[in-house]
Amino acid sequence: MRTGKRDIIRRETYFRVLREIIVKPGSLLRPLIFGPRRAPIHQEKTMFIIGCHLSVSKGFLSMAQTATALGGNTFQFFPRNPRGGKSKPLVEEDVEGLARWMEVHHFGPILCHGAYTMNGASTKEGVRDFARTAMREDLAKTAHLPRCMYNFHPGAHLKQGVEKATVLISDMLNYAMDQEELPKYVLLETMAGKGTEVGRTFEELASIIDRTERKDRLGVCLDTCHVYDGGYDIVNDLDGVLRHFDEVIGLSRLHAIHLNDDKNPLGSHKDRHEKIGEGTLGLDAIARIINHPLLKDLPFYLETPNELPGYKKEIALLKGLRED
C-alpha cells in the first residue's frame, strides 16, 4: 500500500499533538499513562533546634516571639520564681497564641525548668512537701502547653547518702506523676556534683528511673557544663561518654541538651556556666556536640551568662557551626 506525502505529514502531525497532550508537564493524561509524578530524591536537612532561657513575665506568646527574634526556634522558662513561690495560672488566649506561633515558625519542643528550691531528698519534711506539691502543679500546668517537656534538678541528699536520696526522689516523682495529664517527658538533669547533689553520675540517675513507676514518661536532659564538671570528658571522648550513657541509662531516654561552656576544668564539681567558646569546653568540642549523629536532632537550650543580645550572637554562632 503506497503512502502519499500528505498521509506522512498528517501522521507526523497526529503523533506530535498526541505527544504534547500526554508528555507535556501538567497534562491531565500524564499520570494516567505514567503514574503519579515522583518527587526528586534528595537528602533531608536536619532542623537545628536551638534556643535559650527566657523570662515568662510577659507570657508564653511573648517568649516565642522573642525566641524567633533571637534566631531561635525553641525556649526554656521557669513556671514560677526559680527560688520558689506560686505559679501563675495559664491564660487560654496566650497558650493558643503560643501554639499558633510554634506551628507557623516551625518550633521544636519547649522546656519548662523546675524551681531550684525543689529538693525531694531534703532532710526537712516541709521542703520535701513543697517539692512534691510544686512538681505536681508544674506537671499539671505544662501538660496544657504545646510540645512542652519538664526538666528538674534531682536534689541534694544532705549527708543522708545517695541511696536514701534516690528513694525519696523517686517517691516524689511517683506522687507528682500520678495524674491523668502530663507533659510529654519529665527529665532528670545531669548534675555537676556540687556539695551533696544527686545526679552527678549516670548510675545515680538510672537508680531514680528504675524506682519510678511512670518510666514511659521519664528521660534525661544532659547539661554539657555539668557532665564535664562531673568528670565525663566530652571534650576528648564524646563517643565514649555517649556509649557509657547508653549502657547505663539508654540513649532513647536522652531528650534535651543544656548547651553551656564551663568555667572550670574537668571533674571540678563546681557548676559555673561560661559563654559558648569562652570556657574549658571550647568551640571545637561544642561544634562536635551539636553535629554528633546521636545528638544533632535533639533540642539545645542555652543557659550561658548572657543578656538577650548575647544569646542572639551565640545562636548565630552555633548555626554557623552546624554542618548540615
C-alpha atoms as a PDB file:
ATOM      1  CA  MET A   1       0.000   0.000   0.000  1.00  0.00           C
ATOM      2  CA  ARG A   2       1.511   3.313  -1.116  1.00  0.00           C
ATOM      3  CA  THR A   3       1.709   6.136   1.423  1.00  0.00           C
ATOM      4  CA  GLY A   4       1.401   9.601  -0.013  1.00  0.00           C
ATOM      5  CA  LYS A   5       3.225  12.701   1.143  1.00  0.00           C
ATOM      6  CA  ARG A   6       0.020  14.113   2.638  1.00  0.00           C
ATOM      7  CA  ASP A   7      -0.510  10.933   4.696  1.00  0.00           C
ATOM      8  CA  ILE A   8       3.024  11.173   6.132  1.00  0.00           C
ATOM      9  CA  ILE A   9       2.551  14.823   7.105  1.00  0.00           C
ATOM     10  CA  ARG A  10      -0.858  14.027   8.624  1.00  0.00           C
ATOM     11  CA  ARG A  11       0.596  11.142  10.659  1.00  0.00           C
ATOM     12  CA  GLU A  12       3.546  13.224  11.962  1.00  0.00           C
ATOM     13  CA  THR A  13       1.161  15.978  12.981  1.00  0.00           C
ATOM     14  CA  TYR A  14      -1.055  13.452  14.805  1.00  0.00           C
ATOM     15  CA  PHE A  15       1.814  11.987  16.845  1.00  0.00           C
ATOM     16  CA  ARG A  16       3.233  15.439  17.649  1.00  0.00           C
ATOM     17  CA  VAL A  17      -0.090  16.606  19.061  1.00  0.00           C
ATOM     18  CA  LEU A  18      -0.557  13.333  20.959  1.00  0.00           C
ATOM     19  CA  ARG A  19       2.949  13.625  22.454  1.00  0.00           C
ATOM     20  CA  GLU A  20       2.262  17.181  23.623  1.00  0.00           C
ATOM     21  CA  ILE A  21      -1.034  16.153  25.213  1.00  0.00           C
ATOM     22  CA  ILE A  22       0.408  13.179  27.125  1.00  0.00           C
ATOM     23  CA  VAL A  23       4.044  14.045  27.829  1.00  0.00           C
ATOM     24  CA  LYS A  24       3.750  17.776  28.411  1.00  0.00           C
ATOM     25  CA  PRO A  25       4.212  18.633  32.140  1.00  0.00           C
ATOM     26  CA  GLY A  26       0.872  19.380  33.785  1.00  0.00           C
ATOM     27  CA  SER A  27      -1.100  17.201  31.362  1.00  0.00           C
ATOM     28  CA  LEU A  28      -4.133  15.565  32.949  1.00  0.00           C
ATOM     29  CA  LEU A  29      -3.452  12.408  30.939  1.00  0.00           C
ATOM     30  CA  ARG A  30       0.169  12.095  32.039  1.00  0.00           C
ATOM     31  CA  PRO A  31      -0.468  10.455  35.458  1.00  0.00           C
ATOM     32  CA  LEU A  32      -2.908   8.033  33.842  1.00  0.00           C
ATOM     33  CA  ILE A  33      -0.230   6.847  31.415  1.00  0.00           C
ATOM     34  CA  PHE A  34       2.954   7.069  33.518  1.00  0.00           C
ATOM     35  CA  GLY A  35       1.602   7.046  37.082  1.00  0.00           C
ATOM     36  CA  PRO A  36       1.971   9.876  39.645  1.00  0.00           C
ATOM     37  CA  ARG A  37       4.997  12.094  39.336  1.00  0.00           C
ATOM     38  CA  ARG A  38       7.638  11.337  41.971  1.00  0.00           C
ATOM     39  CA  ALA A  39       9.349  13.997  43.996  1.00  0.00           C
ATOM     40  CA  PRO A  40      13.061  14.367  43.318  1.00  0.00           C
ATOM     41  CA  ILE A  41      15.261  12.281  45.609  1.00  0.00           C
ATOM     42  CA  HIS A  42      17.294  14.493  47.937  1.00  0.00           C
ATOM     43  CA  GLN A  43      18.868  14.458  51.399  1.00  0.00           C
ATOM     44  CA  GLU A  44      16.572  15.843  54.093  1.00  0.00           C
ATOM     45  CA  LYS A  45      18.199  18.656  56.014  1.00  0.00           C
ATOM     46  CA  THR A  46      18.052  18.198  59.782  1.00  0.00           C
ATOM     47  CA  MET A  47      16.411  21.097  61.614  1.00  0.00           C
ATOM     48  CA  PHE A  48      18.681  22.647  64.232  1.00  0.00           C
ATOM     49  CA  ILE A  49      16.517  23.200  67.309  1.00  0.00           C
ATOM     50  CA  ILE A  50      18.193  25.945  69.334  1.00  0.00           C
ATOM     51  CA  GLY A  51      17.009  28.482  71.887  1.00  0.00           C
ATOM     52  CA  CYS A  52      17.772  29.974  75.276  1.00  0.00           C
ATOM     53  CA  HIS A  53      16.260  30.548  78.696  1.00  0.00           C
ATOM     54  CA  LEU A  54      13.685  33.376  78.675  1.00  0.00           C
ATOM     55  CA  SER A  55      11.527  35.199  81.208  1.00  0.00           C
ATOM     56  CA  VAL A  56       7.874  34.163  81.405  1.00  0.00           C
ATOM     57  CA  SER A  57       6.811  37.542  82.847  1.00  0.00           C
ATOM     58  CA  LYS A  58       5.162  38.757  79.602  1.00  0.00           C
ATOM     59  CA  GLY A  59       3.538  35.444  78.749  1.00  0.00           C
ATOM     60  CA  PHE A  60       4.193  32.471  76.508  1.00  0.00           C
ATOM     61  CA  LEU A  61       3.460  34.084  73.142  1.00  0.00           C
ATOM     62  CA  SER A  62       5.881  36.882  74.019  1.00  0.00           C
ATOM     63  CA  MET A  63       8.590  34.325  74.834  1.00  0.00           C
ATOM     64  CA  ALA A  64       8.055  32.583  71.499  1.00  0.00           C
ATOM     65  CA  GLN A  65       8.241  35.890  69.629  1.00  0.00           C
ATOM     66  CA  THR A  66      11.444  36.779  71.477  1.00  0.00           C
ATOM     67  CA  ALA A  67      12.932  33.380  70.638  1.00  0.00           C
ATOM     68  CA  THR A  68      12.242  33.974  66.940  1.00  0.00           C
ATOM     69  CA  ALA A  69      13.738  37.475  67.101  1.00  0.00           C
ATOM     70  CA  LEU A  70      16.905  35.952  68.574  1.00  0.00           C
ATOM     71  CA  GLY A  71      17.130  33.484  65.687  1.00  0.00           C
ATOM     72  CA  GLY A  72      15.905  30.519  67.737  1.00  0.00           C
ATOM     73  CA  ASN A  73      13.057  28.056  67.371  1.00  0.00           C
ATOM     74  CA  THR A  74      12.533  26.993  70.976  1.00  0.00           C
ATOM     75  CA  PHE A  75      12.999  28.333  74.516  1.00  0.00           C
ATOM     76  CA  GLN A  76      13.253  27.344  78.175  1.00  0.00           C
ATOM     77  CA  PHE A  77      11.383  29.001  81.045  1.00  0.00           C
ATOM     78  CA  PHE A  78      10.640  28.806  84.767  1.00  0.00           C
ATOM     79  CA  PRO A  79       6.974  28.103  85.636  1.00  0.00           C
ATOM     80  CA  ARG A  80       7.395  30.063  88.876  1.00  0.00           C
ATOM     81  CA  ASN A  81      10.095  32.042  90.647  1.00  0.00           C
ATOM     82  CA  PRO A  82      13.229  29.849  90.398  1.00  0.00           C
ATOM     83  CA  ARG A  83      13.696  30.215  94.154  1.00  0.00           C
ATOM     84  CA  GLY A  84      10.150  29.050  94.865  1.00  0.00           C
ATOM     85  CA  GLY A  85       6.789  30.797  95.146  1.00  0.00           C
ATOM     86  CA  LYS A  86       3.437  30.400  93.452  1.00  0.00           C
ATOM     87  CA  SER A  87       2.871  29.659  89.787  1.00  0.00           C
ATOM     88  CA  LYS A  88       0.574  31.912  87.735  1.00  0.00           C
ATOM     89  CA  PRO A  89      -2.391  30.199  86.065  1.00  0.00           C
ATOM     90  CA  LEU A  90      -2.336  29.762  82.295  1.00  0.00           C
ATOM     91  CA  VAL A  91      -4.253  32.205  80.091  1.00  0.00           C
ATOM     92  CA  GLU A  92      -6.090  30.346  77.330  1.00  0.00           C
ATOM     93  CA  GLU A  93      -5.585  33.036  74.672  1.00  0.00           C
ATOM     94  CA  ASP A  94      -1.863  33.158  75.454  1.00  0.00           C
ATOM     95  CA  VAL A  95      -1.486  29.385  75.124  1.00  0.00           C
ATOM     96  CA  GLU A  96      -3.422  29.397  71.842  1.00  0.00           C
ATOM     97  CA  GLY A  97      -1.203  32.190  70.545  1.00  0.00           C
ATOM     98  CA  LEU A  98       1.877  30.206  71.552  1.00  0.00           C
ATOM     99  CA  ALA A  99       0.612  27.114  69.721  1.00  0.00           C
ATOM    100  CA  ARG A 100      -0.062  29.075  66.521  1.00  0.00           C
ATOM    101  CA  TRP A 101       3.332  30.785  66.652  1.00  0.00           C
ATOM    102  CA  MET A 102       5.159  27.497  67.224  1.00  0.00           C
ATOM    103  CA  GLU A 103       3.388  25.915  64.260  1.00  0.00           C
ATOM    104  CA  VAL A 104       3.969  28.794  61.834  1.00  0.00           C
ATOM    105  CA  HIS A 105       7.623  29.236  62.827  1.00  0.00           C
ATOM    106  CA  HIS A 106       8.433  25.500  62.991  1.00  0.00           C
ATOM    107  CA  PHE A 107       9.401  25.370  66.670  1.00  0.00           C
ATOM    108  CA  GLY A 108      10.867  22.344  68.350  1.00  0.00           C
ATOM    109  CA  PRO A 109       9.818  21.258  71.865  1.00  0.00           C
ATOM    110  CA  ILE A 110       9.900  23.914  74.580  1.00  0.00           C
ATOM    111  CA  LEU A 111      11.307  23.175  78.044  1.00  0.00           C
ATOM    112  CA  CYS A 112       9.953  24.054  81.477  1.00  0.00           C
ATOM    113  CA  HIS A 113      12.615  24.124  84.211  1.00  0.00           C
ATOM    114  CA  GLY A 114      11.531  23.306  87.763  1.00  0.00           C
ATOM    115  CA  ALA A 115      12.382  25.639  90.644  1.00  0.00           C
ATOM    116  CA  TYR A 116      15.865  25.339  92.142  1.00  0.00           C
ATOM    117  CA  THR A 117      14.417  25.098  95.648  1.00  0.00           C
ATOM    118  CA  MET A 118      12.648  21.820  94.907  1.00  0.00           C
ATOM    119  CA  ASN A 119      14.506  19.151  96.848  1.00  0.00           C
ATOM    120  CA  GLY A 120      12.591  15.941  97.190  1.00  0.00           C
ATOM    121  CA  ALA A 121      15.563  14.429  99.047  1.00  0.00           C
ATOM    122  CA  SER A 122      15.718  17.046 101.807  1.00  0.00           C
ATOM    123  CA  THR A 123      16.053  16.073 105.464  1.00  0.00           C
ATOM    124  CA  LYS A 124      13.218  18.546 106.206  1.00  0.00           C
ATOM    125  CA  GLU A 125       9.685  17.311 105.662  1.00  0.00           C
ATOM    126  CA  GLY A 126       8.424  20.806 104.790  1.00  0.00           C
ATOM    127  CA  VAL A 127      10.971  21.153 101.986  1.00  0.00           C
ATOM    128  CA  ARG A 128      10.074  17.721 100.639  1.00  0.00           C
ATOM    129  CA  ASP A 129       6.370  18.593 100.746  1.00  0.00           C
ATOM    130  CA  PHE A 130       6.974  21.797  98.788  1.00  0.00           C
ATOM    131  CA  ALA A 131       8.935  19.880  96.148  1.00  0.00           C
ATOM    132  CA  ARG A 132       6.201  17.271  95.766  1.00  0.00           C
ATOM    133  CA  THR A 133       3.413  19.855  95.568  1.00  0.00           C
ATOM    134  CA  ALA A 134       5.291  22.235  93.266  1.00  0.00           C
ATOM    135  CA  MET A 135       6.237  19.467  90.847  1.00  0.00           C
ATOM    136  CA  ARG A 136       2.710  18.085  90.741  1.00  0.00           C
ATOM    137  CA  GLU A 137       1.350  21.582  89.982  1.00  0.00           C
ATOM    138  CA  ASP A 138       4.047  22.207  87.359  1.00  0.00           C
ATOM    139  CA  LEU A 139       3.305  18.945  85.560  1.00  0.00           C
ATOM    140  CA  ALA A 140      -0.429  19.637  85.504  1.00  0.00           C
ATOM    141  CA  LYS A 141       0.272  23.077  84.047  1.00  0.00           C
ATOM    142  CA  THR A 142       2.819  22.086  81.417  1.00  0.00           C
ATOM    143  CA  ALA A 143       0.547  19.268  80.207  1.00  0.00           C
ATOM    144  CA  HIS A 144      -1.564  22.017  78.598  1.00  0.00           C
ATOM    145  CA  LEU A 145       1.341  23.693  76.792  1.00  0.00           C
ATOM    146  CA  PRO A 146       2.177  22.638  73.216  1.00  0.00           C
ATOM    147  CA  ARG A 147       5.133  20.264  72.856  1.00  0.00           C
ATOM    148  CA  CYS A 148       6.404  21.015  76.346  1.00  0.00           C
ATOM    149  CA  MET A 149       8.834  18.919  78.388  1.00  0.00           C
ATOM    150  CA  TYR A 150       9.631  19.371  82.079  1.00  0.00           C
ATOM    151  CA  ASN A 151      13.178  19.373  83.470  1.00  0.00           C
ATOM    152  CA  PHE A 152      14.341  19.478  87.092  1.00  0.00           C
ATOM    153  CA  HIS A 153      17.414  19.121  89.300  1.00  0.00           C
ATOM    154  CA  PRO A 154      17.072  15.818  91.182  1.00  0.00           C
ATOM    155  CA  GLY A 155      18.052  17.333  94.535  1.00  0.00           C
ATOM    156  CA  ALA A 156      20.705  17.013  97.254  1.00  0.00           C
ATOM    157  CA  HIS A 157      20.980  14.230  99.834  1.00  0.00           C
ATOM    158  CA  LEU A 158      22.361  16.498 102.601  1.00  0.00           C
ATOM    159  CA  LYS A 159      24.566  13.724 104.008  1.00  0.00           C
ATOM    160  CA  GLN A 160      21.758  11.149 104.131  1.00  0.00           C
ATOM    161  CA  GLY A 161      23.505   9.230 101.376  1.00  0.00           C
ATOM    162  CA  VAL A 162      22.724   8.781  97.701  1.00  0.00           C
ATOM    163  CA  GLU A 163      20.748   5.563  98.174  1.00  0.00           C
ATOM    164  CA  LYS A 164      18.293   7.187 100.617  1.00  0.00           C
ATOM    165  CA  ALA A 165      18.039  10.208  98.314  1.00  0.00           C
ATOM    166  CA  THR A 166      17.168   8.166  95.232  1.00  0.00           C
ATOM    167  CA  VAL A 167      14.299   6.545  97.151  1.00  0.00           C
ATOM    168  CA  LEU A 168      12.953   9.951  98.240  1.00  0.00           C
ATOM    169  CA  ILE A 169      13.306  11.472  94.757  1.00  0.00           C
ATOM    170  CA  SER A 170      11.554   8.556  93.079  1.00  0.00           C
ATOM    171  CA  ASP A 171       8.791   8.783  95.714  1.00  0.00           C
ATOM    172  CA  MET A 172       8.360  12.457  94.785  1.00  0.00           C
ATOM    173  CA  LEU A 173       8.161  11.553  91.090  1.00  0.00           C
ATOM    174  CA  ASN A 174       5.634   8.793  91.752  1.00  0.00           C
ATOM    175  CA  TYR A 175       3.429  11.263  93.623  1.00  0.00           C
ATOM    176  CA  ALA A 176       3.798  14.128  91.136  1.00  0.00           C
ATOM    177  CA  MET A 177       3.297  11.945  88.059  1.00  0.00           C
ATOM    178  CA  ASP A 178       0.253  10.142  89.430  1.00  0.00           C
ATOM    179  CA  GLN A 179      -2.207  12.191  87.361  1.00  0.00           C
ATOM    180  CA  GLU A 180      -4.008  11.748  84.080  1.00  0.00           C
ATOM    181  CA  GLU A 181      -2.436  14.609  82.122  1.00  0.00           C
ATOM    182  CA  LEU A 182       1.335  15.008  81.953  1.00  0.00           C
ATOM    183  CA  PRO A 183       3.841  16.781  79.709  1.00  0.00           C
ATOM    184  CA  LYS A 184       5.422  14.599  77.043  1.00  0.00           C
ATOM    185  CA  TYR A 185       8.535  13.896  79.138  1.00  0.00           C
ATOM    186  CA  VAL A 186       9.779  14.593  82.659  1.00  0.00           C
ATOM    187  CA  LEU A 187      13.554  14.989  82.523  1.00  0.00           C
ATOM    188  CA  LEU A 188      16.155  14.447  85.221  1.00  0.00           C
ATOM    189  CA  GLU A 189      19.079  16.803  84.686  1.00  0.00           C
ATOM    190  CA  THR A 190      22.689  15.626  84.821  1.00  0.00           C
ATOM    191  CA  MET A 191      24.391  17.439  87.693  1.00  0.00           C
ATOM    192  CA  ALA A 192      27.924  18.668  88.377  1.00  0.00           C
ATOM    193  CA  GLY A 193      28.136  17.038  91.808  1.00  0.00           C
ATOM    194  CA  LYS A 194      28.466  20.239  93.820  1.00  0.00           C
ATOM    195  CA  GLY A 195      28.099  19.527  97.533  1.00  0.00           C
ATOM    196  CA  THR A 196      25.728  16.597  98.006  1.00  0.00           C
ATOM    197  CA  GLU A 197      23.931  16.929  94.657  1.00  0.00           C
ATOM    198  CA  VAL A 198      22.331  13.753  93.365  1.00  0.00           C
ATOM    199  CA  GLY A 199      22.700  13.004  89.667  1.00  0.00           C
ATOM    200  CA  ARG A 200      26.434  13.543  89.276  1.00  0.00           C
ATOM    201  CA  THR A 201      26.741  10.102  87.674  1.00  0.00           C
ATOM    202  CA  PHE A 202      24.632   8.329  85.091  1.00  0.00           C
ATOM    203  CA  GLU A 203      24.261   5.472  87.575  1.00  0.00           C
ATOM    204  CA  GLU A 204      22.567   7.761  90.114  1.00  0.00           C
ATOM    205  CA  LEU A 205      20.054   8.930  87.513  1.00  0.00           C
ATOM    206  CA  ALA A 206      19.429   5.348  86.402  1.00  0.00           C
ATOM    207  CA  SER A 207      18.713   4.362  90.004  1.00  0.00           C
ATOM    208  CA  ILE A 208      15.992   7.028  90.261  1.00  0.00           C
ATOM    209  CA  ILE A 209      14.460   5.979  86.940  1.00  0.00           C
ATOM    210  CA  ASP A 210      14.456   2.313  87.975  1.00  0.00           C
ATOM    211  CA  ARG A 211      12.451   3.106  91.121  1.00  0.00           C
ATOM    212  CA  THR A 212       9.875   5.308  89.368  1.00  0.00           C
ATOM    213  CA  GLU A 213       6.582   3.882  88.118  1.00  0.00           C
ATOM    214  CA  ARG A 214       5.944   6.070  85.048  1.00  0.00           C
ATOM    215  CA  LYS A 215       9.166   5.142  83.252  1.00  0.00           C
ATOM    216  CA  ASP A 216       7.473   5.720  79.901  1.00  0.00           C
ATOM    217  CA  ARG A 217       7.474   9.474  80.597  1.00  0.00           C
ATOM    218  CA  LEU A 218      10.910   9.736  82.225  1.00  0.00           C
ATOM    219  CA  GLY A 219      14.020  10.946  80.447  1.00  0.00           C
ATOM    220  CA  VAL A 220      17.241  12.903  80.876  1.00  0.00           C
ATOM    221  CA  CYS A 221      18.455  16.387  79.988  1.00  0.00           C
ATOM    222  CA  LEU A 222      22.235  16.391  79.531  1.00  0.00           C
ATOM    223  CA  ASP A 223      23.925  19.609  80.648  1.00  0.00           C
ATOM    224  CA  THR A 224      27.301  19.956  78.917  1.00  0.00           C
ATOM    225  CA  CYS A 225      28.816  22.061  81.705  1.00  0.00           C
ATOM    226  CA  HIS A 226      27.522  19.735  84.414  1.00  0.00           C
ATOM    227  CA  VAL A 227      28.726  16.478  82.878  1.00  0.00           C
ATOM    228  CA  TYR A 228      32.188  17.930  82.244  1.00  0.00           C
ATOM    229  CA  ASP A 229      32.295  19.249  85.817  1.00  0.00           C
ATOM    230  CA  GLY A 230      31.081  15.821  86.919  1.00  0.00           C
ATOM    231  CA  GLY A 231      34.084  14.111  85.330  1.00  0.00           C
ATOM    232  CA  TYR A 232      32.774  12.998  81.931  1.00  0.00           C
ATOM    233  CA  ASP A 233      35.282  14.071  79.282  1.00  0.00           C
ATOM    234  CA  ILE A 234      33.021  15.223  76.456  1.00  0.00           C
ATOM    235  CA  VAL A 235      35.907  17.273  75.026  1.00  0.00           C
ATOM    236  CA  ASN A 236      38.285  14.397  74.255  1.00  0.00           C
ATOM    237  CA  ASP A 237      35.981  11.354  74.404  1.00  0.00           C
ATOM    238  CA  LEU A 238      32.431  12.341  73.472  1.00  0.00           C
ATOM    239  CA  ASP A 239      31.779   8.978  71.821  1.00  0.00           C
ATOM    240  CA  GLY A 240      32.930   7.139  74.939  1.00  0.00           C
ATOM    241  CA  VAL A 241      30.704   9.246  77.207  1.00  0.00           C
ATOM    242  CA  LEU A 242      27.662   8.653  74.996  1.00  0.00           C
ATOM    243  CA  ARG A 243      28.433   4.945  74.852  1.00  0.00           C
ATOM    244  CA  HIS A 244      28.557   4.827  78.671  1.00  0.00           C
ATOM    245  CA  PHE A 245      25.299   6.799  78.888  1.00  0.00           C
ATOM    246  CA  ASP A 246      23.667   4.304  76.548  1.00  0.00           C
ATOM    247  CA  GLU A 247      24.894   1.346  78.594  1.00  0.00           C
ATOM    248  CA  VAL A 248      23.693   2.779  81.922  1.00  0.00           C
ATOM    249  CA  ILE A 249      20.542   4.756  81.048  1.00  0.00           C
ATOM    250  CA  GLY A 250      19.878   4.293  77.338  1.00  0.00           C
ATOM    251  CA  LEU A 251      20.152   6.974  74.658  1.00  0.00           C
ATOM    252  CA  SER A 252      16.438   6.543  73.983  1.00  0.00           C
ATOM    253  CA  ARG A 253      15.887   8.470  77.244  1.00  0.00           C
ATOM    254  CA  LEU A 254      18.034  11.451  76.211  1.00  0.00           C
ATOM    255  CA  HIS A 255      15.566  14.136  75.095  1.00  0.00           C
ATOM    256  CA  ALA A 256      17.290  17.511  75.584  1.00  0.00           C
ATOM    257  CA  ILE A 257      20.668  19.241  75.869  1.00  0.00           C
ATOM    258  CA  HIS A 258      21.570  22.215  78.051  1.00  0.00           C
ATOM    259  CA  LEU A 259      24.328  23.718  75.923  1.00  0.00           C
ATOM    260  CA  ASN A 260      26.785  25.586  78.135  1.00  0.00           C
ATOM    261  CA  ASP A 261      30.516  26.134  78.189  1.00  0.00           C
ATOM    262  CA  ASP A 262      32.336  25.655  81.511  1.00  0.00           C
ATOM    263  CA  LYS A 263      34.439  27.999  83.651  1.00  0.00           C
ATOM    264  CA  ASN A 264      36.147  25.072  85.386  1.00  0.00           C
ATOM    265  CA  PRO A 265      38.379  22.110  84.493  1.00  0.00           C
ATOM    266  CA  LEU A 266      37.195  18.529  84.047  1.00  0.00           C
ATOM    267  CA  GLY A 267      35.855  16.943  87.251  1.00  0.00           C
ATOM    268  CA  SER A 268      35.827  20.143  89.330  1.00  0.00           C
ATOM    269  CA  HIS A 269      32.236  19.639  90.632  1.00  0.00           C
ATOM    270  CA  LYS A 270      31.603  23.408  90.800  1.00  0.00           C
ATOM    271  CA  ASP A 271      28.839  24.131  88.226  1.00  0.00           C
ATOM    272  CA  ARG A 272      29.778  27.509  86.750  1.00  0.00           C
ATOM    273  CA  HIS A 273      28.493  28.102  83.237  1.00  0.00           C
ATOM    274  CA  GLU A 274      30.501  30.073  80.681  1.00  0.00           C
ATOM    275  CA  LYS A 275      29.657  31.696  77.347  1.00  0.00           C
ATOM    276  CA  ILE A 276      29.932  29.490  74.277  1.00  0.00           C
ATOM    277  CA  GLY A 277      33.536  29.141  73.128  1.00  0.00           C
ATOM    278  CA  GLU A 278      34.992  31.040  76.092  1.00  0.00           C
ATOM    279  CA  GLY A 279      35.359  28.191  78.574  1.00  0.00           C
ATOM    280  CA  THR A 280      37.154  24.909  79.104  1.00  0.00           C
ATOM    281  CA  LEU A 281      34.944  23.035  76.631  1.00  0.00           C
ATOM    282  CA  GLY A 282      35.830  25.357  73.772  1.00  0.00           C
ATOM    283  CA  LEU A 283      34.274  25.934  70.376  1.00  0.00           C
ATOM    284  CA  ASP A 284      35.652  22.786  68.720  1.00  0.00           C
ATOM    285  CA  ALA A 285      34.106  20.486  71.336  1.00  0.00           C
ATOM    286  CA  ILE A 286      30.792  22.332  71.205  1.00  0.00           C
ATOM    287  CA  ALA A 287      30.771  22.040  67.401  1.00  0.00           C
ATOM    288  CA  ARG A 288      31.276  18.278  67.750  1.00  0.00           C
ATOM    289  CA  ILE A 289      28.383  18.085  70.214  1.00  0.00           C
ATOM    290  CA  ILE A 290      25.824  19.910  68.056  1.00  0.00           C
ATOM    291  CA  ASN A 291      26.863  17.925  64.961  1.00  0.00           C
ATOM    292  CA  HIS A 292      27.141  14.486  66.574  1.00  0.00           C
ATOM    293  CA  PRO A 293      24.853  11.963  64.819  1.00  0.00           C
ATOM    294  CA  LEU A 294      23.364  10.851  68.149  1.00  0.00           C
ATOM    295  CA  LEU A 295      22.730  14.400  69.402  1.00  0.00           C
ATOM    296  CA  LYS A 296      22.089  16.723  66.462  1.00  0.00           C
ATOM    297  CA  ASP A 297      18.330  16.059  66.282  1.00  0.00           C
ATOM    298  CA  LEU A 298      17.778  16.916  69.966  1.00  0.00           C
ATOM    299  CA  PRO A 299      16.680  20.384  71.139  1.00  0.00           C
ATOM    300  CA  PHE A 300      19.510  22.552  72.531  1.00  0.00           C
ATOM    301  CA  TYR A 301      18.868  25.156  75.253  1.00  0.00           C
ATOM    302  CA  LEU A 302      21.424  27.829  76.158  1.00  0.00           C
ATOM    303  CA  GLU A 303      21.883  28.746  79.835  1.00  0.00           C
ATOM    304  CA  THR A 304      25.033  30.810  79.398  1.00  0.00           C
ATOM    305  CA  PRO A 305      25.684  34.035  81.386  1.00  0.00           C
ATOM    306  CA  ASN A 306      24.133  36.349  78.781  1.00  0.00           C
ATOM    307  CA  GLU A 307      21.523  39.008  78.178  1.00  0.00           C
ATOM    308  CA  LEU A 308      19.353  38.780  75.041  1.00  0.00           C
ATOM    309  CA  PRO A 309      21.908  40.362  72.644  1.00  0.00           C
ATOM    310  CA  GLY A 310      24.490  37.831  73.823  1.00  0.00           C
ATOM    311  CA  TYR A 311      22.101  34.943  73.223  1.00  0.00           C
ATOM    312  CA  LYS A 312      21.397  36.251  69.724  1.00  0.00           C
ATOM    313  CA  LYS A 313      25.125  36.225  68.936  1.00  0.00           C
ATOM    314  CA  GLU A 314      25.557  32.714  70.353  1.00  0.00           C
ATOM    315  CA  ILE A 315      22.624  31.332  68.366  1.00  0.00           C
ATOM    316  CA  ALA A 316      24.052  32.835  65.160  1.00  0.00           C
ATOM    317  CA  LEU A 317      27.492  31.424  66.031  1.00  0.00           C
ATOM    318  CA  LEU A 318      26.098  27.938  66.649  1.00  0.00           C
ATOM    319  CA  LYS A 319      24.071  27.994  63.437  1.00  0.00           C
ATOM    320  CA  GLY A 320      27.293  28.745  61.599  1.00  0.00           C
ATOM    321  CA  LEU A 321      28.906  25.687  63.199  1.00  0.00           C
ATOM    322  CA  ARG A 322      26.218  23.283  62.009  1.00  0.00           C
ATOM    323  CA  GLU A 323      27.422  21.086  59.179  1.00  0.00           C
ATOM    324  CA  ASP A 324      24.105  20.158  57.565  1.00  0.00           C
END
